[in-house]
Amino acid sequence: MLPCALAWLLICFFLSKLLPSPSWRFESGKLVSTMGQFMQVSFTIYSKIALSPMVCYTHPNGKSGMLEHNGIFCFESEEHTPMFLIGILLLAGMIIFYAMAIWATVVAPRKAASGNVWFLAATRFLLFRFRTDIWWFGTFMLPRGLMLSLSIVMAGDSPYVQ
């Protein structure tokens, strides 16, 4: 769903370039901010989806089964390998997004001091909710859903640890 939403935003951006009035056209900085907001809102959900093929528990027959799909054995069923690979790709995309968010947070004070209006508009989704002395808090809070999902992966057989 997220890739479709991001693709739709890009299509609308390019179609808006065909409009006669410049005031009706999408601004690229606001587009980047909107896409970033979509990514930020869905970060926790997609972390759970990406990590779900990795959540395995010891099956009564001695094999390792997926927690969400009891009939699929981890790394043995033919259904598990594609699920695992898609989860890895999704996780890689999330890590890339988070790395870009960290970069934007680190350079934000320098870009703001130089008056880079486009950068501030593009990173508004990351910075606008917090006071100027803690502008970095949005990036700090972003991986909390990933960390919560990771605890289940690390301790699939131990509900007490989870």
N, C-alpha and C. Protein backbone atom coordinates (compact mmCIF):
# COMPACT_ATOMS: atom_id res chain seq x y z
N MET A 1 0.81 -1.19 0.00
CA MET A 1 0.00 0.00 0.00
C MET A 1 0.86 1.26 0.00
N LEU A 2 1.91 1.27 0.81
CA LEU A 2 2.79 2.44 0.88
C LEU A 2 3.45 2.75 -0.47
N PRO A 3 4.01 1.75 -1.18
CA PRO A 3 4.59 2.07 -2.48
C PRO A 3 3.57 2.68 -3.44
N CYS A 4 2.33 2.21 -3.38
CA CYS A 4 1.29 2.77 -4.25
C CYS A 4 1.01 4.23 -3.88
N ALA A 5 0.95 4.53 -2.59
CA ALA A 5 0.70 5.90 -2.14
C ALA A 5 1.85 6.82 -2.57
N LEU A 6 3.08 6.36 -2.43
CA LEU A 6 4.23 7.17 -2.83
C LEU A 6 4.26 7.37 -4.34
N ALA A 7 3.94 6.30 -5.09
CA ALA A 7 3.89 6.42 -6.55
C ALA A 7 2.78 7.39 -6.97
N TRP A 8 1.63 7.33 -6.30
CA TRP A 8 0.53 8.24 -6.61
C TRP A 8 0.95 9.70 -6.37
N LEU A 9 1.65 9.96 -5.29
CA LEU A 9 2.13 11.32 -5.03
C LEU A 9 3.08 11.79 -6.13
N LEU A 10 3.97 10.91 -6.56
CA LEU A 10 4.90 11.27 -7.64
C LEU A 10 4.16 11.53 -8.95
N ILE A 11 3.17 10.70 -9.27
CA ILE A 11 2.38 10.90 -10.49
C ILE A 11 1.66 12.24 -10.43
N CYS A 12 1.05 12.54 -9.30
CA CYS A 12 0.36 13.83 -9.15
C CYS A 12 1.33 15.00 -9.26
N PHE A 13 2.54 14.83 -8.72
CA PHE A 13 3.56 15.87 -8.82
C PHE A 13 3.90 16.16 -10.28
N PHE A 14 4.15 15.10 -11.06
CA PHE A 14 4.52 15.29 -12.46
C PHE A 14 3.34 15.80 -13.28
N LEU A 15 2.14 15.34 -12.99
CA LEU A 15 0.96 15.85 -13.70
C LEU A 15 0.69 17.31 -13.36
N SER A 16 1.02 17.73 -12.15
CA SER A 16 0.78 19.13 -11.77
C SER A 16 1.69 20.08 -12.56
N LYS A 17 2.78 19.57 -13.09
CA LYS A 17 3.67 20.40 -13.91
C LYS A 17 2.99 20.82 -15.21
N LEU A 18 1.94 20.08 -15.62
CA LEU A 18 1.22 20.39 -16.85
C LEU A 18 0.16 21.46 -16.66
N LEU A 19 -0.14 21.81 -15.41
CA LEU A 19 -1.18 22.79 -15.13
C LEU A 19 -0.72 24.19 -15.55
N PRO A 20 -1.66 25.01 -16.03
CA PRO A 20 -1.27 26.32 -16.56
C PRO A 20 -0.78 27.31 -15.49
N SER A 21 -1.38 27.28 -14.32
CA SER A 21 -1.02 28.26 -13.30
C SER A 21 0.06 27.70 -12.37
N PRO A 22 1.16 28.44 -12.17
CA PRO A 22 2.21 27.97 -11.26
C PRO A 22 1.73 27.79 -9.83
N SER A 23 0.69 28.50 -9.43
CA SER A 23 0.20 28.37 -8.05
C SER A 23 -0.49 27.03 -7.81
N TRP A 24 -0.89 26.33 -8.88
CA TRP A 24 -1.55 25.03 -8.75
C TRP A 24 -0.55 23.87 -8.74
N ARG A 25 0.67 24.15 -9.08
CA ARG A 25 1.67 23.08 -9.19
C ARG A 25 2.19 22.67 -7.82
N PHE A 26 2.52 21.38 -7.71
CA PHE A 26 3.11 20.86 -6.48
C PHE A 26 4.49 21.48 -6.28
N GLU A 27 4.83 21.76 -5.05
CA GLU A 27 6.19 22.20 -4.72
C GLU A 27 6.98 20.97 -4.30
N SER A 28 8.19 20.84 -4.82
CA SER A 28 8.97 19.62 -4.58
C SER A 28 9.33 19.44 -3.10
N GLY A 29 9.60 20.51 -2.39
CA GLY A 29 9.92 20.40 -0.97
C GLY A 29 8.75 19.85 -0.16
N LYS A 30 7.56 20.34 -0.48
CA LYS A 30 6.36 19.85 0.21
C LYS A 30 6.05 18.41 -0.17
N LEU A 31 6.35 18.05 -1.42
CA LEU A 31 6.16 16.66 -1.85
C LEU A 31 7.07 15.72 -1.06
N VAL A 32 8.33 16.09 -0.92
CA VAL A 32 9.27 15.27 -0.15
C VAL A 32 8.81 15.15 1.29
N SER A 33 8.33 16.23 1.86
CA SER A 33 7.84 16.20 3.24
C SER A 33 6.62 15.30 3.38
N THR A 34 5.71 15.36 2.42
CA THR A 34 4.52 14.51 2.46
C THR A 34 4.91 13.04 2.34
N MET A 35 5.83 12.74 1.43
CA MET A 35 6.29 11.36 1.28
C MET A 35 7.00 10.89 2.55
N GLY A 36 7.78 11.75 3.15
CA GLY A 36 8.44 11.42 4.40
C GLY A 36 7.45 11.18 5.52
N GLN A 37 6.37 11.95 5.54
CA GLN A 37 5.33 11.76 6.56
C GLN A 37 4.66 10.40 6.39
N PHE A 38 4.38 10.02 5.14
CA PHE A 38 3.82 8.69 4.88
C PHE A 38 4.77 7.61 5.40
N MET A 39 6.06 7.76 5.12
CA MET A 39 7.05 6.77 5.57
C MET A 39 7.12 6.75 7.09
N GLN A 40 7.10 7.91 7.71
CA GLN A 40 7.21 8.00 9.16
C GLN A 40 6.00 7.36 9.85
N VAL A 41 4.82 7.62 9.33
CA VAL A 41 3.60 7.07 9.93
C VAL A 41 3.56 5.56 9.78
N SER A 42 4.03 5.05 8.65
CA SER A 42 3.95 3.61 8.40
C SER A 42 5.19 2.85 8.85
N PHE A 43 6.15 3.52 9.44
CA PHE A 43 7.42 2.88 9.83
C PHE A 43 7.20 1.72 10.80
N THR A 44 6.38 1.92 11.82
CA THR A 44 6.13 0.87 12.81
C THR A 44 5.38 -0.31 12.20
N ILE A 45 4.39 -0.02 11.38
CA ILE A 45 3.60 -1.07 10.75
C ILE A 45 4.47 -1.92 9.84
N TYR A 46 5.28 -1.24 9.02
CA TYR A 46 6.12 -1.98 8.09
C TYR A 46 7.26 -2.70 8.80
N SER A 47 7.66 -2.24 9.98
CA SER A 47 8.66 -3.01 10.73
C SER A 47 8.09 -4.34 11.16
N LYS A 48 6.85 -4.33 11.61
CA LYS A 48 6.22 -5.59 12.01
C LYS A 48 6.05 -6.51 10.81
N ILE A 49 5.64 -5.96 9.68
CA ILE A 49 5.46 -6.76 8.47
C ILE A 49 6.80 -7.33 8.01
N ALA A 50 7.85 -6.51 8.01
CA ALA A 50 9.16 -6.95 7.55
C ALA A 50 9.75 -8.04 8.44
N LEU A 51 9.50 -7.94 9.73
CA LEU A 51 10.09 -8.89 10.67
C LEU A 51 9.23 -10.13 10.91
N SER A 52 7.98 -10.13 10.45
CA SER A 52 7.12 -11.28 10.74
C SER A 52 7.63 -12.60 10.17
N PRO A 53 8.28 -12.67 8.99
CA PRO A 53 8.83 -13.96 8.55
C PRO A 53 10.01 -14.43 9.41
N MET A 54 10.55 -13.56 10.22
CA MET A 54 11.71 -13.91 11.05
C MET A 54 11.30 -14.32 12.46
N VAL A 55 10.01 -14.21 12.77
CA VAL A 55 9.53 -14.58 14.10
C VAL A 55 9.19 -16.06 14.08
N CYS A 56 10.11 -16.88 14.56
CA CYS A 56 9.95 -18.33 14.55
C CYS A 56 9.98 -18.86 15.98
N TYR A 57 9.30 -19.95 16.17
CA TYR A 57 9.29 -20.59 17.49
C TYR A 57 9.55 -22.08 17.28
N THR A 58 9.96 -22.75 18.33
CA THR A 58 10.23 -24.18 18.25
C THR A 58 8.90 -24.93 18.20
N HIS A 59 8.70 -25.63 17.11
CA HIS A 59 7.48 -26.40 16.88
C HIS A 59 7.54 -27.68 17.70
N PRO A 60 6.40 -28.24 18.08
CA PRO A 60 6.42 -29.49 18.87
C PRO A 60 7.16 -30.65 18.20
N ASN A 61 7.24 -30.64 16.85
CA ASN A 61 7.93 -31.73 16.17
C ASN A 61 9.44 -31.48 16.05
N GLY A 62 9.94 -30.43 16.69
CA GLY A 62 11.37 -30.15 16.68
C GLY A 62 11.81 -29.16 15.62
N LYS A 63 10.94 -28.86 14.67
CA LYS A 63 11.28 -27.89 13.63
C LYS A 63 10.93 -26.49 14.13
N SER A 64 11.29 -25.51 13.34
CA SER A 64 11.02 -24.12 13.69
C SER A 64 9.88 -23.62 12.81
N GLY A 65 8.80 -23.15 13.43
CA GLY A 65 7.64 -22.68 12.69
C GLY A 65 7.43 -21.19 12.85
N MET A 66 6.75 -20.59 11.86
CA MET A 66 6.44 -19.16 11.96
C MET A 66 5.35 -18.94 13.00
N LEU A 67 5.50 -17.91 13.77
CA LEU A 67 4.54 -17.62 14.83
C LEU A 67 3.17 -17.26 14.27
N GLU A 68 3.14 -16.47 13.19
CA GLU A 68 1.87 -16.01 12.63
C GLU A 68 1.21 -17.04 11.72
N HIS A 69 2.00 -17.94 11.14
CA HIS A 69 1.48 -18.97 10.23
C HIS A 69 2.03 -20.32 10.67
N ASN A 70 1.25 -21.03 11.45
CA ASN A 70 1.73 -22.28 12.06
C ASN A 70 2.15 -23.34 11.05
N GLY A 71 1.55 -23.35 9.88
CA GLY A 71 1.85 -24.39 8.89
C GLY A 71 3.12 -24.14 8.10
N ILE A 72 3.74 -22.99 8.27
CA ILE A 72 4.95 -22.66 7.50
C ILE A 72 6.15 -22.84 8.41
N PHE A 73 7.06 -23.71 7.98
CA PHE A 73 8.28 -23.96 8.75
C PHE A 73 9.38 -23.01 8.28
N CYS A 74 10.05 -22.40 9.23
CA CYS A 74 11.09 -21.41 8.92
C CYS A 74 12.26 -22.07 8.20
N PHE A 75 12.61 -21.49 7.06
CA PHE A 75 13.75 -21.91 6.23
C PHE A 75 13.61 -23.33 5.70
N GLU A 76 12.42 -23.94 5.79
CA GLU A 76 12.20 -25.27 5.24
C GLU A 76 11.06 -25.27 4.23
N SER A 77 9.98 -24.55 4.51
CA SER A 77 8.84 -24.49 3.59
C SER A 77 9.19 -23.60 2.41
N GLU A 78 8.64 -23.96 1.25
CA GLU A 78 8.92 -23.15 0.06
C GLU A 78 8.27 -21.78 0.14
N GLU A 79 7.26 -21.61 0.96
CA GLU A 79 6.61 -20.31 1.12
C GLU A 79 7.46 -19.35 1.96
N HIS A 80 8.29 -19.89 2.82
CA HIS A 80 9.02 -19.04 3.76
C HIS A 80 10.13 -18.24 3.09
N THR A 81 10.83 -18.84 2.13
CA THR A 81 11.96 -18.14 1.51
C THR A 81 11.54 -16.83 0.84
N PRO A 82 10.49 -16.81 -0.02
CA PRO A 82 10.08 -15.52 -0.59
C PRO A 82 9.63 -14.51 0.47
N MET A 83 8.93 -15.01 1.49
CA MET A 83 8.49 -14.11 2.56
C MET A 83 9.69 -13.50 3.27
N PHE A 84 10.69 -14.32 3.53
CA PHE A 84 11.89 -13.87 4.22
C PHE A 84 12.65 -12.84 3.37
N LEU A 85 12.79 -13.11 2.06
CA LEU A 85 13.51 -12.19 1.18
C LEU A 85 12.79 -10.85 1.06
N ILE A 86 11.47 -10.89 0.94
CA ILE A 86 10.71 -9.64 0.88
C ILE A 86 10.83 -8.87 2.19
N GLY A 87 10.84 -9.60 3.30
CA GLY A 87 11.04 -8.96 4.60
C GLY A 87 12.40 -8.28 4.70
N ILE A 88 13.44 -8.94 4.17
CA ILE A 88 14.78 -8.35 4.17
C ILE A 88 14.81 -7.09 3.30
N LEU A 89 14.19 -7.15 2.12
CA LEU A 89 14.16 -5.97 1.24
C LEU A 89 13.40 -4.82 1.89
N LEU A 90 12.29 -5.13 2.51
CA LEU A 90 11.50 -4.10 3.20
C LEU A 90 12.29 -3.50 4.36
N LEU A 91 12.97 -4.35 5.09
CA LEU A 91 13.81 -3.88 6.20
C LEU A 91 14.95 -3.00 5.69
N ALA A 92 15.54 -3.37 4.55
CA ALA A 92 16.61 -2.56 3.95
C ALA A 92 16.07 -1.18 3.56
N GLY A 93 14.88 -1.13 2.98
CA GLY A 93 14.27 0.15 2.63
C GLY A 93 14.02 1.02 3.84
N MET A 94 13.60 0.40 4.92
CA MET A 94 13.36 1.15 6.16
C MET A 94 14.66 1.67 6.75
N ILE A 95 15.71 0.86 6.67
CA ILE A 95 17.01 1.30 7.18
C ILE A 95 17.55 2.46 6.36
N ILE A 96 17.35 2.40 5.04
CA ILE A 96 17.77 3.51 4.17
C ILE A 96 17.00 4.78 4.53
N PHE A 97 15.69 4.66 4.73
CA PHE A 97 14.89 5.82 5.13
C PHE A 97 15.38 6.39 6.46
N TYR A 98 15.66 5.51 7.41
CA TYR A 98 16.13 5.98 8.72
C TYR A 98 17.50 6.64 8.62
N ALA A 99 18.38 6.10 7.78
CA ALA A 99 19.69 6.71 7.58
C ALA A 99 19.54 8.11 6.97
N MET A 100 18.61 8.25 6.03
CA MET A 100 18.37 9.57 5.44
C MET A 100 17.78 10.53 6.48
N ALA A 101 16.93 10.02 7.37
CA ALA A 101 16.36 10.86 8.43
C ALA A 101 17.45 11.32 9.39
N ILE A 102 18.38 10.43 9.72
CA ILE A 102 19.50 10.80 10.59
C ILE A 102 20.35 11.87 9.92
N TRP A 103 20.65 11.67 8.63
CA TRP A 103 21.44 12.67 7.90
C TRP A 103 20.73 14.02 7.91
N ALA A 104 19.42 14.02 7.62
CA ALA A 104 18.66 15.27 7.59
C ALA A 104 18.66 15.95 8.96
N THR A 105 18.59 15.16 10.02
CA THR A 105 18.59 15.72 11.37
C THR A 105 19.95 16.32 11.71
N VAL A 106 21.01 15.67 11.28
CA VAL A 106 22.36 16.17 11.59
C VAL A 106 22.64 17.48 10.85
N VAL A 107 22.23 17.57 9.58
CA VAL A 107 22.55 18.78 8.81
C VAL A 107 21.49 19.88 8.94
N ALA A 108 20.37 19.60 9.60
CA ALA A 108 19.29 20.59 9.71
C ALA A 108 19.72 21.92 10.31
N PRO A 109 20.49 21.95 11.41
CA PRO A 109 20.89 23.26 11.94
C PRO A 109 21.73 24.08 10.95
N ARG A 110 22.62 23.41 10.25
CA ARG A 110 23.47 24.09 9.28
C ARG A 110 22.64 24.62 8.11
N LYS A 111 21.69 23.80 7.63
CA LYS A 111 20.84 24.22 6.51
C LYS A 111 19.92 25.37 6.93
N ALA A 112 19.42 25.31 8.16
CA ALA A 112 18.55 26.39 8.66
C ALA A 112 19.33 27.69 8.80
N ALA A 113 20.56 27.59 9.28
CA ALA A 113 21.39 28.79 9.45
C ALA A 113 21.73 29.43 8.11
N SER A 114 21.87 28.59 7.08
CA SER A 114 22.20 29.14 5.76
C SER A 114 20.96 29.61 5.01
N GLY A 115 19.77 29.38 5.58
CA GLY A 115 18.54 29.87 4.97
C GLY A 115 18.02 28.99 3.84
N ASN A 116 18.33 27.71 3.86
CA ASN A 116 17.88 26.79 2.82
C ASN A 116 16.41 26.46 3.05
N VAL A 117 15.53 27.21 2.40
CA VAL A 117 14.09 27.07 2.60
C VAL A 117 13.59 25.74 2.05
N TRP A 118 14.13 25.29 0.92
CA TRP A 118 13.68 24.02 0.34
C TRP A 118 13.95 22.86 1.31
N PHE A 119 15.13 22.83 1.90
CA PHE A 119 15.47 21.75 2.83
C PHE A 119 14.54 21.76 4.04
N LEU A 120 14.25 22.93 4.57
CA LEU A 120 13.36 23.03 5.73
C LEU A 120 11.94 22.58 5.37
N ALA A 121 11.50 22.89 4.14
CA ALA A 121 10.17 22.43 3.71
C ALA A 121 10.17 20.91 3.51
N ALA A 122 11.26 20.36 2.98
CA ALA A 122 11.35 18.93 2.72
C ALA A 122 11.45 18.11 4.00
N THR A 123 12.03 18.66 5.04
CA THR A 123 12.20 17.91 6.29
C THR A 123 11.20 18.35 7.36
N ARG A 124 10.20 19.07 6.96
CA ARG A 124 9.20 19.56 7.91
C ARG A 124 8.55 18.41 8.67
N PHE A 125 8.30 17.29 8.00
CA PHE A 125 7.67 16.14 8.65
C PHE A 125 8.48 15.63 9.83
N LEU A 126 9.77 15.85 9.79
CA LEU A 126 10.67 15.33 10.81
C LEU A 126 10.90 16.33 11.95
N LEU A 127 10.79 17.61 11.64
CA LEU A 127 11.22 18.64 12.59
C LEU A 127 10.09 19.48 13.19
N PHE A 128 8.96 19.64 12.50
CA PHE A 128 7.99 20.68 12.88
C PHE A 128 7.27 20.44 14.19
N ARG A 129 7.17 19.22 14.67
CA ARG A 129 6.38 18.95 15.88
C ARG A 129 7.13 19.25 17.17
N PHE A 130 8.40 19.55 17.08
CA PHE A 130 9.22 19.67 18.28
C PHE A 130 9.81 21.07 18.40
N ARG A 131 10.14 21.44 19.63
CA ARG A 131 10.77 22.74 19.87
C ARG A 131 12.11 22.79 19.13
N THR A 132 12.57 24.00 18.91
CA THR A 132 13.81 24.15 18.15
C THR A 132 15.03 23.63 18.89
N ASP A 133 14.97 23.53 20.21
CA ASP A 133 16.13 23.02 20.94
C ASP A 133 16.17 21.48 20.97
N ILE A 134 15.07 20.83 20.58
CA ILE A 134 15.08 19.35 20.49
C ILE A 134 14.54 18.91 19.12
N TRP A 135 15.02 19.54 18.05
CA TRP A 135 14.59 19.23 16.69
C TRP A 135 14.86 17.78 16.32
N TRP A 136 15.79 17.13 16.96
CA TRP A 136 16.23 15.77 16.65
C TRP A 136 15.30 14.70 17.21
N PHE A 137 14.32 15.07 18.02
CA PHE A 137 13.51 14.08 18.73
C PHE A 137 12.69 13.19 17.79
N GLY A 138 12.25 13.71 16.66
CA GLY A 138 11.49 12.91 15.69
C GLY A 138 12.30 11.75 15.16
N THR A 139 13.58 11.98 14.92
CA THR A 139 14.46 10.92 14.44
C THR A 139 14.77 9.94 15.56
N PHE A 140 14.89 10.43 16.76
CA PHE A 140 15.16 9.58 17.91
C PHE A 140 14.02 8.61 18.17
N MET A 141 12.77 9.06 17.99
CA MET A 141 11.60 8.23 18.29
C MET A 141 11.20 7.31 17.15
N LEU A 142 11.72 7.53 15.96
CA LEU A 142 11.30 6.76 14.78
C LEU A 142 11.49 5.25 14.91
N PRO A 143 12.62 4.74 15.40
CA PRO A 143 12.80 3.28 15.40
C PRO A 143 12.15 2.54 16.57
N ARG A 144 11.34 3.19 17.37
CA ARG A 144 10.77 2.50 18.54
C ARG A 144 9.92 1.29 18.13
N GLY A 145 9.15 1.40 17.07
CA GLY A 145 8.34 0.27 16.60
C GLY A 145 9.20 -0.87 16.11
N LEU A 146 10.28 -0.51 15.43
CA LEU A 146 11.22 -1.53 14.95
C LEU A 146 11.86 -2.26 16.12
N MET A 147 12.23 -1.53 17.15
CA MET A 147 12.86 -2.16 18.33
C MET A 147 11.87 -3.05 19.08
N LEU A 148 10.61 -2.63 19.16
CA LEU A 148 9.60 -3.47 19.80
C LEU A 148 9.38 -4.76 19.01
N SER A 149 9.34 -4.65 17.69
CA SER A 149 9.18 -5.85 16.86
C SER A 149 10.41 -6.73 16.91
N LEU A 150 11.57 -6.12 17.02
CA LEU A 150 12.82 -6.89 17.07
C LEU A 150 12.91 -7.73 18.34
N SER A 151 12.31 -7.27 19.42
CA SER A 151 12.36 -8.05 20.66
C SER A 151 11.64 -9.38 20.50
N ILE A 152 10.58 -9.40 19.71
CA ILE A 152 9.85 -10.64 19.47
C ILE A 152 10.69 -11.58 18.61
N VAL A 153 11.43 -11.03 17.64
CA VAL A 153 12.29 -11.86 16.79
C VAL A 153 13.40 -12.48 17.62
N MET A 154 14.00 -11.71 18.50
CA MET A 154 15.13 -12.19 19.29
C MET A 154 14.73 -13.25 20.30
N ALA A 155 13.51 -13.17 20.80
CA ALA A 155 13.08 -14.11 21.84
C ALA A 155 11.78 -14.79 21.43
N GLY A 156 11.79 -15.43 20.27
CA GLY A 156 10.58 -16.08 19.75
C GLY A 156 10.04 -17.18 20.64
N ASP A 157 10.91 -17.88 21.35
CA ASP A 157 10.48 -19.00 22.21
C ASP A 157 10.25 -18.59 23.65
N SER A 158 10.50 -17.33 23.99
CA SER A 158 10.43 -16.93 25.39
C SER A 158 9.43 -15.79 25.59
N PRO A 159 8.17 -16.11 25.87
CA PRO A 159 7.19 -15.05 26.09
C PRO A 159 7.54 -14.14 27.26
N TYR A 160 8.24 -14.66 28.25
CA TYR A 160 8.63 -13.85 29.41
C TYR A 160 9.57 -12.73 28.99
N VAL A 161 10.52 -13.03 28.11
CA VAL A 161 11.47 -12.01 27.63
C VAL A 161 10.76 -11.00 26.75
N GLN A 162 9.81 -11.46 25.95
CA GLN A 162 9.09 -10.56 25.06
C GLN A 162 8.34 -9.52 25.86
